[in-house]
Amino acid sequence: MSLTRPFHALTAAAVVVAVALGPAALPASAATAQPLPSADQLKSALLTAADLGPGWTEPPATQSPSPSAGASPSASPSNPVTGCDALSALINMYVTRPGAAIPRAETELDGPNGNPMVTQALAAEPSDQLATDFNSAADALKTCHTITFNAGPSDTVTFTVSPVTLGDRKDAPAVHLDGTLAGVRLNGYVGIERFGTVAMAFGYFERQGSNEQTASMEYRTAVAKVERALGAKAGSTTAPTAVPATPTEGRRV
């Protein structure tokens, strides 16, 4: 059994991207107040199928993780997430409103037959705004214990949420999600991290299994690539050294 595309996109993309940054609009003056990585620079720091090994693929561009593209309006409720009030509010606002005009890049990678699945999103904001949004998302994760996703009448699942550690930084927010859809066990690992003015959200989703070791390995791979590509350590509040910089096409990371 495979996840339907609307549920696939909602649980992976909407959760992971929305958790990374709050959807608050940036003041016009903030857009140029601090140099930020471009969307192309962020894209160069994302995981690729080659980073994860044989059997991994990248879905076509038309199936890239995007809450607005994941399901038609008739298929998805206006507030597709309930439970965990603070986290639900972040996700629902992201799904139902346009995001702020900030540099952003995201990807979805599928394992053999679409299982497991990895999602990653990077977004850049001025340091003060990112700190506020990141802390809000971290608090929302830490206070969440049960959350329900609804992408349609037959695609509703409630996850039990518990804290985990995915990377080397013990205080980097991360959670394990455990639920069942149509008799199929679904597990997810979601973690967020910051690299100066860049926030990363990472998701590892698996059906009929729960492999925290593999999730941790892929998370560490993602963190290491961002650190190399942007020149900023995980947990740093200092702007990446690669900013401003020339485009990174052809750069080995």
C-alpha atoms as a PDB file:
ATOM      1  CA  MET A   1       0.000   0.000   0.000  1.00  0.00           C
ATOM      2  CA  SER A   2       1.307   3.445  -0.858  1.00  0.00           C
ATOM      3  CA  LEU A   3       0.306   6.789   0.534  1.00  0.00           C
ATOM      4  CA  THR A   4      -2.026   8.767  -1.690  1.00  0.00           C
ATOM      5  CA  ARG A   5      -0.440  11.877  -3.188  1.00  0.00           C
ATOM      6  CA  PRO A   6      -2.554  14.379  -1.204  1.00  0.00           C
ATOM      7  CA  PHE A   7      -1.749  12.699   2.104  1.00  0.00           C
ATOM      8  CA  HIS A   8       1.848  12.135   1.008  1.00  0.00           C
ATOM      9  CA  ALA A   9       2.291  15.832   0.261  1.00  0.00           C
ATOM     10  CA  LEU A  10       0.422  17.064   3.326  1.00  0.00           C
ATOM     11  CA  THR A  11       2.184  14.977   5.923  1.00  0.00           C
ATOM     12  CA  ALA A  12       5.622  15.398   4.398  1.00  0.00           C
ATOM     13  CA  ALA A  13       5.699  18.838   2.841  1.00  0.00           C
ATOM     14  CA  ALA A  14       3.193  20.875   4.831  1.00  0.00           C
ATOM     15  CA  VAL A  15       4.437  19.615   8.170  1.00  0.00           C
ATOM     16  CA  VAL A  16       8.114  19.843   7.458  1.00  0.00           C
ATOM     17  CA  VAL A  17       8.069  23.186   5.688  1.00  0.00           C
ATOM     18  CA  ALA A  18       5.591  24.827   8.031  1.00  0.00           C
ATOM     19  CA  VAL A  19       7.410  23.698  11.134  1.00  0.00           C
ATOM     20  CA  ALA A  20      10.654  25.278   9.931  1.00  0.00           C
ATOM     21  CA  LEU A  21       9.451  28.846   9.883  1.00  0.00           C
ATOM     22  CA  GLY A  22       6.379  30.668  11.005  1.00  0.00           C
ATOM     23  CA  PRO A  23       4.409  32.259   8.157  1.00  0.00           C
ATOM     24  CA  ALA A  24       4.593  35.791   9.496  1.00  0.00           C
ATOM     25  CA  ALA A  25       5.184  38.306   6.717  1.00  0.00           C
ATOM     26  CA  LEU A  26       8.493  40.111   6.803  1.00  0.00           C
ATOM     27  CA  PRO A  27       8.580  43.911   7.051  1.00  0.00           C
ATOM     28  CA  ALA A  28       9.592  45.475   3.750  1.00  0.00           C
ATOM     29  CA  SER A  29      12.696  46.949   5.367  1.00  0.00           C
ATOM     30  CA  ALA A  30      13.858  43.508   6.492  1.00  0.00           C
ATOM     31  CA  ALA A  31      14.116  42.137   2.986  1.00  0.00           C
ATOM     32  CA  THR A  32      17.373  43.985   2.257  1.00  0.00           C
ATOM     33  CA  ALA A  33      18.645  44.718   5.744  1.00  0.00           C
ATOM     34  CA  GLN A  34      20.828  41.608   5.895  1.00  0.00           C
ATOM     35  CA  PRO A  35      22.391  39.599   3.053  1.00  0.00           C
ATOM     36  CA  LEU A  36      20.672  36.239   2.733  1.00  0.00           C
ATOM     37  CA  PRO A  37      21.420  33.161   0.650  1.00  0.00           C
ATOM     38  CA  SER A  38      19.533  33.085  -2.622  1.00  0.00           C
ATOM     39  CA  ALA A  39      17.022  30.385  -3.477  1.00  0.00           C
ATOM     40  CA  ASP A  40      19.623  28.916  -5.857  1.00  0.00           C
ATOM     41  CA  GLN A  41      22.194  28.749  -3.067  1.00  0.00           C
ATOM     42  CA  LEU A  42      19.701  27.027  -0.812  1.00  0.00           C
ATOM     43  CA  LYS A  43      18.839  24.586  -3.593  1.00  0.00           C
ATOM     44  CA  SER A  44      22.514  23.643  -3.915  1.00  0.00           C
ATOM     45  CA  ALA A  45      22.524  22.699  -0.226  1.00  0.00           C
ATOM     46  CA  LEU A  46      19.572  20.305  -0.485  1.00  0.00           C
ATOM     47  CA  LEU A  47      19.930  16.551  -0.484  1.00  0.00           C
ATOM     48  CA  THR A  48      19.765  14.748  -3.820  1.00  0.00           C
ATOM     49  CA  ALA A  49      19.002  11.129  -4.623  1.00  0.00           C
ATOM     50  CA  ALA A  50      22.715  10.562  -5.160  1.00  0.00           C
ATOM     51  CA  ASP A  51      23.414  11.674  -1.580  1.00  0.00           C
ATOM     52  CA  LEU A  52      21.151   8.941  -0.202  1.00  0.00           C
ATOM     53  CA  GLY A  53      22.317   6.064  -2.364  1.00  0.00           C
ATOM     54  CA  PRO A  54      20.977   3.455  -4.826  1.00  0.00           C
ATOM     55  CA  GLY A  55      17.223   3.150  -5.185  1.00  0.00           C
ATOM     56  CA  TRP A  56      16.428   6.734  -4.211  1.00  0.00           C
ATOM     57  CA  THR A  57      14.645   8.943  -6.727  1.00  0.00           C
ATOM     58  CA  GLU A  58      13.386  12.491  -7.051  1.00  0.00           C
ATOM     59  CA  PRO A  59       9.721  12.807  -8.116  1.00  0.00           C
ATOM     60  CA  PRO A  60       8.982  14.908 -11.224  1.00  0.00           C
ATOM     61  CA  ALA A  61       8.849  18.652 -10.671  1.00  0.00           C
ATOM     62  CA  THR A  62       5.045  18.621 -10.873  1.00  0.00           C
ATOM     63  CA  GLN A  63       5.024  16.370  -7.803  1.00  0.00           C
ATOM     64  CA  SER A  64       7.488  18.380  -5.740  1.00  0.00           C
ATOM     65  CA  PRO A  65       6.468  18.976  -2.120  1.00  0.00           C
ATOM     66  CA  SER A  66       4.072  21.894  -2.055  1.00  0.00           C
ATOM     67  CA  PRO A  67       1.036  22.126   0.191  1.00  0.00           C
ATOM     68  CA  SER A  68      -0.913  24.012  -2.458  1.00  0.00           C
ATOM     69  CA  ALA A  69      -0.106  21.408  -5.084  1.00  0.00           C
ATOM     70  CA  GLY A  70      -0.673  18.383  -2.898  1.00  0.00           C
ATOM     71  CA  ALA A  71      -4.443  18.246  -3.232  1.00  0.00           C
ATOM     72  CA  SER A  72      -7.324  20.026  -4.876  1.00  0.00           C
ATOM     73  CA  PRO A  73      -9.415  22.367  -2.711  1.00  0.00           C
ATOM     74  CA  SER A  74     -12.305  19.891  -2.843  1.00  0.00           C
ATOM     75  CA  ALA A  75     -10.090  17.105  -1.522  1.00  0.00           C
ATOM     76  CA  SER A  76      -8.539  18.906   1.443  1.00  0.00           C
ATOM     77  CA  PRO A  77     -10.212  20.628   4.397  1.00  0.00           C
ATOM     78  CA  SER A  78      -9.433  24.277   5.096  1.00  0.00           C
ATOM     79  CA  ASN A  79      -7.751  23.316   8.378  1.00  0.00           C
ATOM     80  CA  PRO A  80      -6.180  19.928   7.638  1.00  0.00           C
ATOM     81  CA  VAL A  81      -4.426  19.579  11.003  1.00  0.00           C
ATOM     82  CA  THR A  82      -5.934  19.345  14.487  1.00  0.00           C
ATOM     83  CA  GLY A  83      -4.480  18.725  17.932  1.00  0.00           C
ATOM     84  CA  CYS A  84      -1.324  20.363  19.291  1.00  0.00           C
ATOM     85  CA  ASP A  85      -2.790  23.856  19.060  1.00  0.00           C
ATOM     86  CA  ALA A  86       0.463  25.757  18.525  1.00  0.00           C
ATOM     87  CA  LEU A  87       1.780  23.348  15.887  1.00  0.00           C
ATOM     88  CA  SER A  88      -1.590  23.025  14.158  1.00  0.00           C
ATOM     89  CA  ALA A  89      -1.870  26.796  13.928  1.00  0.00           C
ATOM     90  CA  LEU A  90       1.525  27.044  12.217  1.00  0.00           C
ATOM     91  CA  ILE A  91       0.752  24.280   9.742  1.00  0.00           C
ATOM     92  CA  ASN A  92      -2.791  25.356   8.922  1.00  0.00           C
ATOM     93  CA  MET A  93      -1.702  28.952   8.400  1.00  0.00           C
ATOM     94  CA  TYR A  94       1.045  27.808   6.055  1.00  0.00           C
ATOM     95  CA  VAL A  95      -1.313  25.578   4.073  1.00  0.00           C
ATOM     96  CA  THR A  96      -4.075  28.164   3.716  1.00  0.00           C
ATOM     97  CA  ARG A  97      -2.022  31.336   3.247  1.00  0.00           C
ATOM     98  CA  PRO A  98       0.729  32.330   0.833  1.00  0.00           C
ATOM     99  CA  GLY A  99       4.140  32.207   2.465  1.00  0.00           C
ATOM    100  CA  ALA A 100       6.346  35.210   3.043  1.00  0.00           C
ATOM    101  CA  ALA A 101       8.514  36.279   0.120  1.00  0.00           C
ATOM    102  CA  ILE A 102      11.768  34.824   1.448  1.00  0.00           C
ATOM    103  CA  PRO A 103      14.437  32.656  -0.197  1.00  0.00           C
ATOM    104  CA  ARG A 104      13.295  29.052   0.039  1.00  0.00           C
ATOM    105  CA  ALA A 105      14.109  25.667  -1.472  1.00  0.00           C
ATOM    106  CA  GLU A 106      12.662  22.247  -0.812  1.00  0.00           C
ATOM    107  CA  THR A 107      12.845  18.693  -2.048  1.00  0.00           C
ATOM    108  CA  GLU A 108      11.236  15.304  -1.664  1.00  0.00           C
ATOM    109  CA  LEU A 109      13.145  12.068  -2.186  1.00  0.00           C
ATOM    110  CA  ASP A 110      11.567   8.628  -2.451  1.00  0.00           C
ATOM    111  CA  GLY A 111      13.151   5.310  -1.567  1.00  0.00           C
ATOM    112  CA  PRO A 112      12.374   2.105  -3.488  1.00  0.00           C
ATOM    113  CA  ASN A 113       8.628   1.980  -4.256  1.00  0.00           C
ATOM    114  CA  GLY A 114       8.221   5.258  -2.428  1.00  0.00           C
ATOM    115  CA  ASN A 115       9.221   3.876   0.958  1.00  0.00           C
ATOM    116  CA  PRO A 116      10.799   5.421   2.935  1.00  0.00           C
ATOM    117  CA  MET A 117      10.528   9.087   1.964  1.00  0.00           C
ATOM    118  CA  VAL A 118      12.738  12.040   2.903  1.00  0.00           C
ATOM    119  CA  THR A 119      11.725  15.679   2.715  1.00  0.00           C
ATOM    120  CA  GLN A 120      13.910  18.701   3.316  1.00  0.00           C
ATOM    121  CA  ALA A 121      13.202  22.417   3.272  1.00  0.00           C
ATOM    122  CA  LEU A 122      15.558  25.357   3.649  1.00  0.00           C
ATOM    123  CA  ALA A 123      14.475  28.953   4.174  1.00  0.00           C
ATOM    124  CA  ALA A 124      16.410  32.147   4.894  1.00  0.00           C
ATOM    125  CA  GLU A 125      15.350  35.091   7.046  1.00  0.00           C
ATOM    126  CA  PRO A 126      17.102  37.934   8.853  1.00  0.00           C
ATOM    127  CA  SER A 127      18.583  36.649  12.111  1.00  0.00           C
ATOM    128  CA  ASP A 128      16.104  38.279  14.497  1.00  0.00           C
ATOM    129  CA  GLN A 129      13.059  37.117  12.537  1.00  0.00           C
ATOM    130  CA  LEU A 130      14.449  33.619  12.116  1.00  0.00           C
ATOM    131  CA  ALA A 131      15.190  33.335  15.829  1.00  0.00           C
ATOM    132  CA  THR A 132      11.582  34.247  16.649  1.00  0.00           C
ATOM    133  CA  ASP A 133      10.100  31.866  14.092  1.00  0.00           C
ATOM    134  CA  PHE A 134      12.494  29.038  14.908  1.00  0.00           C
ATOM    135  CA  ASN A 135      11.825  29.304  18.635  1.00  0.00           C
ATOM    136  CA  SER A 136       8.076  29.309  18.017  1.00  0.00           C
ATOM    137  CA  ALA A 137       8.349  26.171  15.913  1.00  0.00           C
ATOM    138  CA  ALA A 138      10.637  24.496  18.461  1.00  0.00           C
ATOM    139  CA  ASP A 139       8.201  25.255  21.290  1.00  0.00           C
ATOM    140  CA  ALA A 140       5.309  23.959  19.182  1.00  0.00           C
ATOM    141  CA  LEU A 141       7.129  20.668  18.619  1.00  0.00           C
ATOM    142  CA  LYS A 142       8.113  20.278  22.257  1.00  0.00           C
ATOM    143  CA  THR A 143       4.561  20.741  23.520  1.00  0.00           C
ATOM    144  CA  CYS A 144       2.945  18.407  20.973  1.00  0.00           C
ATOM    145  CA  HIS A 145       1.820  14.929  22.060  1.00  0.00           C
ATOM    146  CA  THR A 146      -0.965  13.948  19.614  1.00  0.00           C
ATOM    147  CA  ILE A 147      -1.756  15.455  16.213  1.00  0.00           C
ATOM    148  CA  THR A 148      -4.215  14.529  13.451  1.00  0.00           C
ATOM    149  CA  PHE A 149      -3.752  15.075   9.712  1.00  0.00           C
ATOM    150  CA  ASN A 150      -6.738  15.079   7.380  1.00  0.00           C
ATOM    151  CA  ALA A 151      -6.189  15.152   3.606  1.00  0.00           C
ATOM    152  CA  GLY A 152      -9.639  13.787   2.777  1.00  0.00           C
ATOM    153  CA  PRO A 153     -12.338  11.370   3.976  1.00  0.00           C
ATOM    154  CA  SER A 154     -10.115   8.273   3.649  1.00  0.00           C
ATOM    155  CA  ASP A 155      -6.805   9.940   4.477  1.00  0.00           C
ATOM    156  CA  THR A 156      -7.038  10.838   8.151  1.00  0.00           C
ATOM    157  CA  VAL A 157      -4.453   9.671  10.645  1.00  0.00           C
ATOM    158  CA  THR A 158      -3.641  10.568  14.235  1.00  0.00           C
ATOM    159  CA  PHE A 159       0.007  10.478  15.272  1.00  0.00           C
ATOM    160  CA  THR A 160       1.423  10.061  18.740  1.00  0.00           C
ATOM    161  CA  VAL A 161       4.306  12.514  19.032  1.00  0.00           C
ATOM    162  CA  SER A 162       7.383  11.952  21.189  1.00  0.00           C
ATOM    163  CA  PRO A 163      10.789  13.687  21.403  1.00  0.00           C
ATOM    164  CA  VAL A 164      13.875  12.121  19.817  1.00  0.00           C
ATOM    165  CA  THR A 165      17.451  13.106  19.009  1.00  0.00           C
ATOM    166  CA  LEU A 166      18.364  12.845  15.334  1.00  0.00           C
ATOM    167  CA  GLY A 167      21.731  14.584  15.096  1.00  0.00           C
ATOM    168  CA  ASP A 168      24.810  15.462  17.107  1.00  0.00           C
ATOM    169  CA  ARG A 169      23.165  18.451  18.796  1.00  0.00           C
ATOM    170  CA  LYS A 170      21.083  17.107  21.651  1.00  0.00           C
ATOM    171  CA  ASP A 171      19.043  20.309  21.883  1.00  0.00           C
ATOM    172  CA  ALA A 172      18.064  20.398  18.185  1.00  0.00           C
ATOM    173  CA  PRO A 173      14.262  19.950  18.184  1.00  0.00           C
ATOM    174  CA  ALA A 174      13.107  16.617  16.736  1.00  0.00           C
ATOM    175  CA  VAL A 175      10.102  14.330  17.178  1.00  0.00           C
ATOM    176  CA  HIS A 176       8.909  10.858  16.283  1.00  0.00           C
ATOM    177  CA  LEU A 177       5.386  10.476  14.872  1.00  0.00           C
ATOM    178  CA  ASP A 178       3.656   7.086  15.160  1.00  0.00           C
ATOM    179  CA  GLY A 179       0.229   6.398  13.649  1.00  0.00           C
ATOM    180  CA  THR A 180      -1.908   4.017  11.573  1.00  0.00           C
ATOM    181  CA  LEU A 181      -3.780   4.620   8.310  1.00  0.00           C
ATOM    182  CA  ALA A 182      -6.118   1.902   6.979  1.00  0.00           C
ATOM    183  CA  GLY A 183      -4.320  -0.691   9.060  1.00  0.00           C
ATOM    184  CA  VAL A 184      -0.883   0.377   7.855  1.00  0.00           C
ATOM    185  CA  ARG A 185       1.582   1.655  10.420  1.00  0.00           C
ATOM    186  CA  LEU A 186       3.114   5.011   9.538  1.00  0.00           C
ATOM    187  CA  ASN A 187       6.167   6.465  11.232  1.00  0.00           C
ATOM    188  CA  GLY A 188       7.818   9.807  10.790  1.00  0.00           C
ATOM    189  CA  TYR A 189      10.825  11.630  12.179  1.00  0.00           C
ATOM    190  CA  VAL A 190      10.804  15.422  11.930  1.00  0.00           C
ATOM    191  CA  GLY A 191      13.694  17.634  12.950  1.00  0.00           C
ATOM    192  CA  ILE A 192      14.504  21.321  12.607  1.00  0.00           C
ATOM    193  CA  GLU A 193      17.854  23.069  12.714  1.00  0.00           C
ATOM    194  CA  ARG A 194      19.261  26.523  12.074  1.00  0.00           C
ATOM    195  CA  PHE A 195      22.445  27.576  10.312  1.00  0.00           C
ATOM    196  CA  GLY A 196      22.810  31.280  11.018  1.00  0.00           C
ATOM    197  CA  THR A 197      20.159  32.950   8.856  1.00  0.00           C
ATOM    198  CA  VAL A 198      18.962  29.644   7.367  1.00  0.00           C
ATOM    199  CA  ALA A 199      16.487  27.211   8.905  1.00  0.00           C
ATOM    200  CA  MET A 200      16.233  23.584   7.856  1.00  0.00           C
ATOM    201  CA  ALA A 201      13.302  21.248   8.322  1.00  0.00           C
ATOM    202  CA  PHE A 202      13.866  17.539   7.726  1.00  0.00           C
ATOM    203  CA  GLY A 203      11.374  14.700   7.547  1.00  0.00           C
ATOM    204  CA  TYR A 204      11.814  10.939   7.269  1.00  0.00           C
ATOM    205  CA  PHE A 205       8.591   8.989   6.684  1.00  0.00           C
ATOM    206  CA  GLU A 206       8.177   5.223   6.564  1.00  0.00           C
ATOM    207  CA  ARG A 207       5.314   2.747   6.361  1.00  0.00           C
ATOM    208  CA  GLN A 208       5.278  -0.680   8.022  1.00  0.00           C
ATOM    209  CA  GLY A 209       8.468   0.086   9.896  1.00  0.00           C
ATOM    210  CA  SER A 210      10.235   2.486  12.241  1.00  0.00           C
ATOM    211  CA  ASN A 211      13.950   2.880  11.615  1.00  0.00           C
ATOM    212  CA  GLU A 212      15.244   5.659  13.827  1.00  0.00           C
ATOM    213  CA  GLN A 213      18.847   4.758  13.019  1.00  0.00           C
ATOM    214  CA  THR A 214      18.316   5.295   9.289  1.00  0.00           C
ATOM    215  CA  ALA A 215      16.350   8.482   9.914  1.00  0.00           C
ATOM    216  CA  SER A 216      19.215   9.775  12.031  1.00  0.00           C
ATOM    217  CA  MET A 217      21.769   8.848   9.375  1.00  0.00           C
ATOM    218  CA  GLU A 218      19.872  10.708   6.636  1.00  0.00           C
ATOM    219  CA  TYR A 219      19.360  13.703   8.939  1.00  0.00           C
ATOM    220  CA  ARG A 220      23.092  13.857   9.645  1.00  0.00           C
ATOM    221  CA  THR A 221      23.782  13.654   5.913  1.00  0.00           C
ATOM    222  CA  ALA A 222      21.449  16.601   5.353  1.00  0.00           C
ATOM    223  CA  VAL A 223      23.046  18.672   8.118  1.00  0.00           C
ATOM    224  CA  ALA A 224      26.575  17.984   6.850  1.00  0.00           C
ATOM    225  CA  LYS A 225      25.682  19.029   3.300  1.00  0.00           C
ATOM    226  CA  VAL A 226      24.098  22.297   4.440  1.00  0.00           C
ATOM    227  CA  GLU A 227      27.145  23.057   6.587  1.00  0.00           C
ATOM    228  CA  ARG A 228      29.497  22.500   3.639  1.00  0.00           C
ATOM    229  CA  ALA A 229      27.406  24.301   1.044  1.00  0.00           C
ATOM    230  CA  LEU A 230      26.572  27.391   3.106  1.00  0.00           C
ATOM    231  CA  GLY A 231      29.568  27.615   5.396  1.00  0.00           C
ATOM    232  CA  ALA A 232      27.625  27.650   8.665  1.00  0.00           C
ATOM    233  CA  LYS A 233      27.604  25.203  11.532  1.00  0.00           C
ATOM    234  CA  ALA A 234      24.390  23.639  12.817  1.00  0.00           C
ATOM    235  CA  GLY A 235      23.047  25.671  15.715  1.00  0.00           C
ATOM    236  CA  SER A 236      25.019  28.762  14.734  1.00  0.00           C
ATOM    237  CA  THR A 237      23.497  32.219  14.993  1.00  0.00           C
ATOM    238  CA  THR A 238      26.173  33.681  12.696  1.00  0.00           C
ATOM    239  CA  ALA A 239      25.333  34.321   9.051  1.00  0.00           C
ATOM    240  CA  PRO A 240      26.661  31.685   6.613  1.00  0.00           C
ATOM    241  CA  THR A 241      30.086  32.530   5.209  1.00  0.00           C
ATOM    242  CA  ALA A 242      28.871  31.687   1.705  1.00  0.00           C
ATOM    243  CA  VAL A 243      26.654  34.803   1.769  1.00  0.00           C
ATOM    244  CA  PRO A 244      26.812  36.900  -0.251  1.00  0.00           C
ATOM    245  CA  ALA A 245      28.467  34.664  -2.804  1.00  0.00           C
ATOM    246  CA  THR A 246      28.368  33.835  -6.444  1.00  0.00           C
ATOM    247  CA  PRO A 247      25.987  31.086  -7.588  1.00  0.00           C
ATOM    248  CA  THR A 248      27.201  27.627  -6.660  1.00  0.00           C
ATOM    249  CA  GLU A 249      26.532  25.776  -9.914  1.00  0.00           C
ATOM    250  CA  GLY A 250      29.129  23.097 -10.393  1.00  0.00           C
ATOM    251  CA  ARG A 251      30.441  23.339  -6.861  1.00  0.00           C
ATOM    252  CA  ARG A 252      31.151  19.997  -5.224  1.00  0.00           C
ATOM    253  CA  VAL A 253      29.541  19.669  -1.805  1.00  0.00           C
END
